[in-house]
Amino acid sequence: GLIAIGGKLIDTATSPRHVSLARLVIAESPRFPELGRIFFDRTSARFTRHIARYIAEHTQHVAALRPTELAEMFAGMLLHHLLFERFCGAPSTLSPARLRRLTEQASELIATSLAGSAVRDLDRRSE
């Protein structure tokens, strides 16, 4: 589910190889904008599409949900602090157990949003 997807996202995006490549692309994107667009499409945008597809496939009331926006929020909740920490070369402050809890909490927030949207959709139908 989302917890497994979130764990894979964290592992991939915070790997030393990915962080090094991201630093290079960010530094060179002003001179080579196409490089930045390609990198974004093959990393962040690809993962967002994957998460959005998962959300859409596991939800009955997709029209009201905006799966892509939920996917972007999910990825942002998981990665913002971690990537900034890595980009700045700061030592990691998050233990594997804490990373797991953060992933579970982000997944729970998305699930709550999905449940709330389904309830609102049902409420609209009953009016």
Foldseek 3Di string as FASTA:
>chain_A
DQLVLLVVLCCVCLPPVNLVVVLVCVVCCVVVVVSVVVVCCVRVVVSLVVQLVVVVVPADPNVQQPSSVLSVQLSCQLPVVSSVCVNVVHDDPDDPVRSSVSSVVSVVVSVVSRVVSVVVVVVVVVD
